[in-house]
Amino acid sequence: MEKINRILSDFAKVNEYDGVGNDYRLYLLSENTKEDICKLIKNYIKATSDDTIELIQLNEWQQDFLSCEFPEGEEYWFGTIPSGYDLKGLTPKEFIIEQLLNTFEQGIGAVYWVKLDIGAYYACSYEEYVFVTNKGIYYLSMQVHD
């Protein structure tokens, strides 16, 4: 997981600009794949009882991951490729997918897009995903803050 977090961090840093900071990370929420995912996320992001979390299962997660909730999101968040990276003809998000597959060793059981309705400030824009794997429940968070 160290490798993918370094890659995510490199992309986050190189795509920052004046007044805008990016935070892209993969977290292990639990090694127990039977735990309540929404409860884990609420605890992780310190959500209140008024906040809602919706999990939308992505049956074709690799294709769904390539589309972005925000217009021009991939260009905005991944438009600049960090120095020294050879994506071998892949788009940045395709490259991230490959890294996720390598990290999880193809053991992905389910993937969810996380839709948050948070009363307080959370991020200017974000994409959040949950990966239920044979090793645990992981949270991929890509946030833009200004």
C-alpha atoms as a PDB file:
ATOM      1  CA  MET A   1       0.000   0.000   0.000  1.00  0.00           C
ATOM      2  CA  GLU A   2       2.994   2.252   0.496  1.00  0.00           C
ATOM      3  CA  LYS A   3       3.685   2.267  -3.260  1.00  0.00           C
ATOM      4  CA  ILE A   4       0.187   3.314  -4.326  1.00  0.00           C
ATOM      5  CA  ASN A   5       0.062   6.020  -1.663  1.00  0.00           C
ATOM      6  CA  ARG A   6       3.375   7.408  -2.928  1.00  0.00           C
ATOM      7  CA  ILE A   7       1.958   7.441  -6.483  1.00  0.00           C
ATOM      8  CA  LEU A   8      -1.285   9.094  -5.346  1.00  0.00           C
ATOM      9  CA  SER A   9       0.684  11.662  -3.344  1.00  0.00           C
ATOM     10  CA  ASP A  10       2.938  12.430  -6.326  1.00  0.00           C
ATOM     11  CA  PHE A  11      -0.090  13.053  -8.553  1.00  0.00           C
ATOM     12  CA  ALA A  12      -1.751  15.156  -5.848  1.00  0.00           C
ATOM     13  CA  LYS A  13       1.313  17.367  -5.378  1.00  0.00           C
ATOM     14  CA  VAL A  14       2.107  17.952  -9.036  1.00  0.00           C
ATOM     15  CA  ASN A  15      -1.519  18.925  -9.778  1.00  0.00           C
ATOM     16  CA  GLU A  16      -1.803  21.502  -6.997  1.00  0.00           C
ATOM     17  CA  TYR A  17      -1.784  25.182  -7.824  1.00  0.00           C
ATOM     18  CA  ASP A  18      -2.005  28.505  -5.972  1.00  0.00           C
ATOM     19  CA  GLY A  19      -4.537  28.272  -3.187  1.00  0.00           C
ATOM     20  CA  VAL A  20      -5.554  24.704  -4.000  1.00  0.00           C
ATOM     21  CA  GLY A  21      -4.280  21.618  -2.229  1.00  0.00           C
ATOM     22  CA  ASN A  22      -4.912  18.010  -3.172  1.00  0.00           C
ATOM     23  CA  ASP A  23      -5.035  14.975  -0.923  1.00  0.00           C
ATOM     24  CA  TYR A  24      -5.224  11.542  -2.584  1.00  0.00           C
ATOM     25  CA  ARG A  25      -4.830   8.471  -0.345  1.00  0.00           C
ATOM     26  CA  LEU A  26      -5.777   4.854   0.126  1.00  0.00           C
ATOM     27  CA  TYR A  27      -6.644   3.804   3.686  1.00  0.00           C
ATOM     28  CA  LEU A  28      -7.353   0.463   5.300  1.00  0.00           C
ATOM     29  CA  LEU A  29     -10.638   0.926   7.158  1.00  0.00           C
ATOM     30  CA  SER A  30     -10.813  -2.612   8.511  1.00  0.00           C
ATOM     31  CA  GLU A  31      -9.340  -6.043   7.954  1.00  0.00           C
ATOM     32  CA  ASN A  32     -12.785  -7.462   8.769  1.00  0.00           C
ATOM     33  CA  THR A  33     -14.715  -7.520   5.483  1.00  0.00           C
ATOM     34  CA  LYS A  34     -17.995  -8.128   7.356  1.00  0.00           C
ATOM     35  CA  GLU A  35     -18.014  -4.762   9.138  1.00  0.00           C
ATOM     36  CA  ASP A  36     -20.614  -2.116   8.321  1.00  0.00           C
ATOM     37  CA  ILE A  37     -18.989   0.017   5.609  1.00  0.00           C
ATOM     38  CA  CYS A  38     -21.099   3.120   6.223  1.00  0.00           C
ATOM     39  CA  LYS A  39     -20.308   3.013   9.939  1.00  0.00           C
ATOM     40  CA  LEU A  40     -16.589   2.668   9.181  1.00  0.00           C
ATOM     41  CA  ILE A  41     -16.703   5.672   6.840  1.00  0.00           C
ATOM     42  CA  LYS A  42     -18.722   7.768   9.298  1.00  0.00           C
ATOM     43  CA  ASN A  43     -16.159   7.060  12.009  1.00  0.00           C
ATOM     44  CA  TYR A  44     -13.266   7.726   9.661  1.00  0.00           C
ATOM     45  CA  ILE A  45     -14.511  11.092   8.355  1.00  0.00           C
ATOM     46  CA  LYS A  46     -15.993  12.018  11.752  1.00  0.00           C
ATOM     47  CA  ALA A  47     -19.477  12.418  10.293  1.00  0.00           C
ATOM     48  CA  THR A  48     -22.334  13.592  12.474  1.00  0.00           C
ATOM     49  CA  SER A  49     -25.717  11.941  12.858  1.00  0.00           C
ATOM     50  CA  ASP A  50     -27.115  14.497  10.372  1.00  0.00           C
ATOM     51  CA  ASP A  51     -24.643  13.505   7.641  1.00  0.00           C
ATOM     52  CA  THR A  52     -25.568  10.813   5.147  1.00  0.00           C
ATOM     53  CA  ILE A  53     -23.429   8.339   3.292  1.00  0.00           C
ATOM     54  CA  GLU A  54     -24.686   6.436   0.282  1.00  0.00           C
ATOM     55  CA  LEU A  55     -22.801   3.522  -1.230  1.00  0.00           C
ATOM     56  CA  ILE A  56     -23.376   2.915  -4.919  1.00  0.00           C
ATOM     57  CA  GLN A  57     -22.018  -0.437  -6.050  1.00  0.00           C
ATOM     58  CA  LEU A  58     -20.028  -0.234  -9.262  1.00  0.00           C
ATOM     59  CA  ASN A  59     -20.563  -3.452 -11.182  1.00  0.00           C
ATOM     60  CA  GLU A  60     -18.142  -2.323 -13.896  1.00  0.00           C
ATOM     61  CA  TRP A  61     -15.888  -0.475 -11.479  1.00  0.00           C
ATOM     62  CA  GLN A  62     -12.902  -0.044 -13.765  1.00  0.00           C
ATOM     63  CA  GLN A  63     -15.044   1.657 -16.415  1.00  0.00           C
ATOM     64  CA  ASP A  64     -17.034   3.615 -13.821  1.00  0.00           C
ATOM     65  CA  PHE A  65     -13.815   4.769 -12.134  1.00  0.00           C
ATOM     66  CA  LEU A  66     -12.702   6.309 -15.431  1.00  0.00           C
ATOM     67  CA  SER A  67     -15.737   8.577 -15.567  1.00  0.00           C
ATOM     68  CA  CYS A  68     -15.693  11.417 -13.111  1.00  0.00           C
ATOM     69  CA  GLU A  69     -18.538  13.029 -11.217  1.00  0.00           C
ATOM     70  CA  PHE A  70     -17.030  16.440 -11.905  1.00  0.00           C
ATOM     71  CA  PRO A  71     -16.670  17.749 -15.480  1.00  0.00           C
ATOM     72  CA  GLU A  72     -13.054  17.634 -16.661  1.00  0.00           C
ATOM     73  CA  GLY A  73     -12.141  16.006 -13.331  1.00  0.00           C
ATOM     74  CA  GLU A  74      -9.394  13.776 -14.661  1.00  0.00           C
ATOM     75  CA  GLU A  75      -7.682  16.669 -16.434  1.00  0.00           C
ATOM     76  CA  TYR A  76      -8.095  18.868 -13.373  1.00  0.00           C
ATOM     77  CA  TRP A  77      -6.845  16.298 -10.856  1.00  0.00           C
ATOM     78  CA  PHE A  78      -4.464  14.208 -12.956  1.00  0.00           C
ATOM     79  CA  GLY A  79      -3.634  16.469 -15.910  1.00  0.00           C
ATOM     80  CA  THR A  80       0.044  16.808 -15.033  1.00  0.00           C
ATOM     81  CA  ILE A  81       2.012  13.579 -14.832  1.00  0.00           C
ATOM     82  CA  PRO A  82       4.726  13.554 -12.161  1.00  0.00           C
ATOM     83  CA  SER A  83       8.312  13.583 -13.381  1.00  0.00           C
ATOM     84  CA  GLY A  84       9.770  10.117 -13.863  1.00  0.00           C
ATOM     85  CA  TYR A  85       6.448   8.350 -14.429  1.00  0.00           C
ATOM     86  CA  ASP A  86       5.968   6.295 -17.602  1.00  0.00           C
ATOM     87  CA  LEU A  87       2.279   5.495 -17.905  1.00  0.00           C
ATOM     88  CA  LYS A  88       2.965   3.270 -20.930  1.00  0.00           C
ATOM     89  CA  GLY A  89       0.186   4.871 -22.965  1.00  0.00           C
ATOM     90  CA  LEU A  90      -2.408   4.707 -20.192  1.00  0.00           C
ATOM     91  CA  THR A  91      -4.395   7.669 -18.941  1.00  0.00           C
ATOM     92  CA  PRO A  92      -3.573   8.636 -15.349  1.00  0.00           C
ATOM     93  CA  LYS A  93      -6.755   7.003 -14.048  1.00  0.00           C
ATOM     94  CA  GLU A  94      -6.056   3.819 -16.044  1.00  0.00           C
ATOM     95  CA  PHE A  95      -2.612   3.844 -14.434  1.00  0.00           C
ATOM     96  CA  ILE A  96      -4.197   4.219 -10.974  1.00  0.00           C
ATOM     97  CA  ILE A  97      -6.502   1.269 -11.765  1.00  0.00           C
ATOM     98  CA  GLU A  98      -3.452  -0.860 -12.587  1.00  0.00           C
ATOM     99  CA  GLN A  99      -1.846   0.151  -9.300  1.00  0.00           C
ATOM    100  CA  LEU A 100      -5.023  -0.711  -7.380  1.00  0.00           C
ATOM    101  CA  LEU A 101      -5.168  -4.129  -9.057  1.00  0.00           C
ATOM    102  CA  ASN A 102      -1.518  -4.706  -8.153  1.00  0.00           C
ATOM    103  CA  THR A 103      -2.079  -3.549  -4.576  1.00  0.00           C
ATOM    104  CA  PHE A 104      -5.087  -5.801  -4.079  1.00  0.00           C
ATOM    105  CA  GLU A 105      -3.535  -8.649  -6.095  1.00  0.00           C
ATOM    106  CA  GLN A 106      -6.729  -8.991  -8.147  1.00  0.00           C
ATOM    107  CA  GLY A 107      -8.649  -9.877  -4.951  1.00  0.00           C
ATOM    108  CA  ILE A 108     -11.357  -7.219  -5.315  1.00  0.00           C
ATOM    109  CA  GLY A 109     -14.810  -8.466  -4.341  1.00  0.00           C
ATOM    110  CA  ALA A 110     -16.848  -5.257  -4.580  1.00  0.00           C
ATOM    111  CA  VAL A 111     -16.284  -1.582  -5.298  1.00  0.00           C
ATOM    112  CA  TYR A 112     -18.536   1.257  -4.187  1.00  0.00           C
ATOM    113  CA  TRP A 113     -18.649   4.912  -5.113  1.00  0.00           C
ATOM    114  CA  VAL A 114     -19.236   6.873  -1.912  1.00  0.00           C
ATOM    115  CA  LYS A 115     -21.759   9.688  -2.147  1.00  0.00           C
ATOM    116  CA  LEU A 116     -21.570  12.018   0.841  1.00  0.00           C
ATOM    117  CA  ASP A 117     -24.073  14.591   2.048  1.00  0.00           C
ATOM    118  CA  ILE A 118     -22.129  16.414   4.727  1.00  0.00           C
ATOM    119  CA  GLY A 119     -23.558  19.501   6.410  1.00  0.00           C
ATOM    120  CA  ALA A 120     -20.157  21.028   7.133  1.00  0.00           C
ATOM    121  CA  TYR A 121     -17.328  21.664   4.679  1.00  0.00           C
ATOM    122  CA  TYR A 122     -15.766  18.440   3.442  1.00  0.00           C
ATOM    123  CA  ALA A 123     -13.849  19.335   0.259  1.00  0.00           C
ATOM    124  CA  CYS A 124     -14.268  21.547  -2.809  1.00  0.00           C
ATOM    125  CA  SER A 125     -14.527  18.436  -4.904  1.00  0.00           C
ATOM    126  CA  TYR A 126     -13.839  14.818  -4.213  1.00  0.00           C
ATOM    127  CA  GLU A 127     -14.130  11.262  -5.381  1.00  0.00           C
ATOM    128  CA  GLU A 128     -14.344   8.567  -2.727  1.00  0.00           C
ATOM    129  CA  TYR A 129     -14.437   4.821  -3.295  1.00  0.00           C
ATOM    130  CA  VAL A 130     -14.572   1.723  -1.106  1.00  0.00           C
ATOM    131  CA  PHE A 131     -12.855  -1.497  -2.157  1.00  0.00           C
ATOM    132  CA  VAL A 132     -13.876  -4.684  -0.399  1.00  0.00           C
ATOM    133  CA  THR A 133     -11.038  -7.106  -0.975  1.00  0.00           C
ATOM    134  CA  ASN A 134      -9.841 -10.427   0.332  1.00  0.00           C
ATOM    135  CA  LYS A 135      -7.539  -8.421   2.661  1.00  0.00           C
ATOM    136  CA  GLY A 136     -10.043  -5.947   4.084  1.00  0.00           C
ATOM    137  CA  ILE A 137     -12.078  -2.826   3.408  1.00  0.00           C
ATOM    138  CA  TYR A 138     -10.149   0.048   1.824  1.00  0.00           C
ATOM    139  CA  TYR A 139     -11.118   3.683   1.312  1.00  0.00           C
ATOM    140  CA  LEU A 140      -9.737   5.586  -1.673  1.00  0.00           C
ATOM    141  CA  SER A 141     -10.107   9.304  -1.119  1.00  0.00           C
ATOM    142  CA  MET A 142      -9.220  11.948  -3.694  1.00  0.00           C
ATOM    143  CA  GLN A 143      -9.957  15.454  -2.426  1.00  0.00           C
ATOM    144  CA  VAL A 144      -9.355  18.975  -3.683  1.00  0.00           C
ATOM    145  CA  HIS A 145      -9.286  21.793  -1.112  1.00  0.00           C
ATOM    146  CA  ASP A 146      -9.038  25.540  -1.594  1.00  0.00           C
END
